[in-house]
Amino acid sequence: MGNRIHHQHWLISPVFFLDSRNRFKDKAWIRNDAGSIWANSSIGCGYKVMRKLLILSTAAVEDELIQKISAADWEVSQAQDSGEARGLLTEQTFRVGLILLFSCEPERSFQWIIDLVQARRKMQWVIALPRPCVERKTLSNLIAERCYDYQTLPIDAQRLTVTLGHAYGMAELDETHLRQQHESDTQFGQIGNSPVMQTLFRGIQKAAEVDVPILITGEVGTGKEQSARTIHEHSSRAAAPFVTVSCAAMPVNLLQSELFGHEKGAFAGASERHIGQIEAATGGTLFLDEIGDLAQELQVQLLRFLEEKKIRRLGGAKPIPTNVRVITATNTNLEQAVRDGRFREDLFYRLNVLHLRVPPLRERRGDVELLARHFFNKFAAEVKTVAKGFSRDALEVINRYDWPGNIRELMNRTRRAVLLSEGPYIAPGDLELERRSLGRGFVTLDEARMAADRETIQATLLRTRFNIARASQELNVSRMTLYRLMEKYDIRRDNG
């Protein structure tokens, strides 16, 4: 069985015990060395839990082998091409896969297997193949990087079933470890163990328990909307809508209609009644992003709405009662904006009943690596990649960099690194951070933020194939704003 040594052992979870009447008396589990799992039924008898095995092969598998594997408590599914395999993986959940290659010529005949195995990183794989094929670079890399174990032909069915059982146990351990790690690193759906994030989590908890306006401040890309959404989801309004409106770069008349709605015939082109987002959020939460960019005349209307808890549609005669909780966010200093006369002081105090600050990534040193690994796992599961994680040098660069574009920049760079990496581990060059420190030796915050914004916009446009409607929706900006940003950053279809 290959060159790896696996100790013979019993993998034990809670254990069943037989009483004097030969019945299982404890709700427990035990897995023997071949990997068989036993459980208890409602009448006290034991029954075996069937595990699912996916076999990938370029030729039909002998019935005798299938029968021997099935006898070891496996429910076997077979696929001989990519379409069939992906169909099975969509319909069912497999923890273990078996690759059977009877020949390594031509290589294109099993390339689909390599691609699929590289994409299914959470599964444990065992491969059986002719001995000469082990020396082929493509397959030796696959064995080293993605397979739990391998066996050369002819197949020893007994040893194979034992190995498959061990692989299943390893898959369960990996799954448990990942779940426990995620739970320990995550609160309110957000990743972070740093002191500043613990402070934020306590603030989110308090904010969810009270029904007052909340102001969330933080730099671009820190996750202000995620915090607002988390507050909503843990509040008494969770069953009602969470409605987002961006106050940035939208003409006053359009934003007014977007917020308050309009009646049919209220202005040229108003061919029907439009329900505004405040009404759409009835019973729930209205999230106003970039509130610092709100025009003065709309500040007056927003203040009146907060004071009276009523709105009037554009062109409407009657006030409409509302029941909405307002959460606002900004990356600007609103107190300075008040002093400069750009933001109404009375509105500021109305919005700032409870204040939360989302810290920038540079203040979350202990969290950067956690976030990077989270994004890697997310993107590696979505695309074909040979990378298994970050190299030590890459992690050192990640932890040393200031991340002026915050989580958004980290996410975007990790996505690109997953796509570009050609080795088993992401290198510093894949993140394209080292070259940013060249030249004059420093990068200003404005330059870094602009670079992060450009990269995010360009990546979104490429992903949506320059569908402006879809891209603007994903970026949460208007089409006009997206066109303006494309012009600002010189982003065109022919240079994407």
Foldseek 3Di string as FASTA:
>chain_A
DFDDDDDQDWDAWFDFDQDPVRFTDDQGWTAHLLQWIWGADPVRHIDTDAAEEEEEELDDDDPVLVVLLVVSRYDYDYDNDLVVVVVVVVVDPHQEYEYEYADCPPVVSCVSVVQVQLLPQLHAYEYEYAPVVCPDPSNVLCCVQRHPYYHYPPDDSSVVSSSRSVRSVVSVVVVVVVVVVCVVQDDLRDGADDPLVVVLSVLLVVLQEDQAFEEEEEAAQLCRVSSVLSSQCSHPLNVFDEAEAEQPPDDPVVVLCQAQWAADPLDPPSNHTGHHPQQNRASGEYEYEAPLNHAPVVLVQVLVCLVVQWGAHRVGDDIHHGDYGYYYYHHDDVVVCCVVVSHPPSSVCRNHPDYGYRYFVLSRLVRQQVLLQVLLVVLSNVGRALEPEADPQLVVLSSVDRPLNGSLLSNLLSNQQRVPDPDHHRHNVSSVPVVQCDDPRDDDSVRSNLVSVVSSLLVLCVVVVNPLVVSCVVVVHDSVVSVVSCVVSVPDSVVD
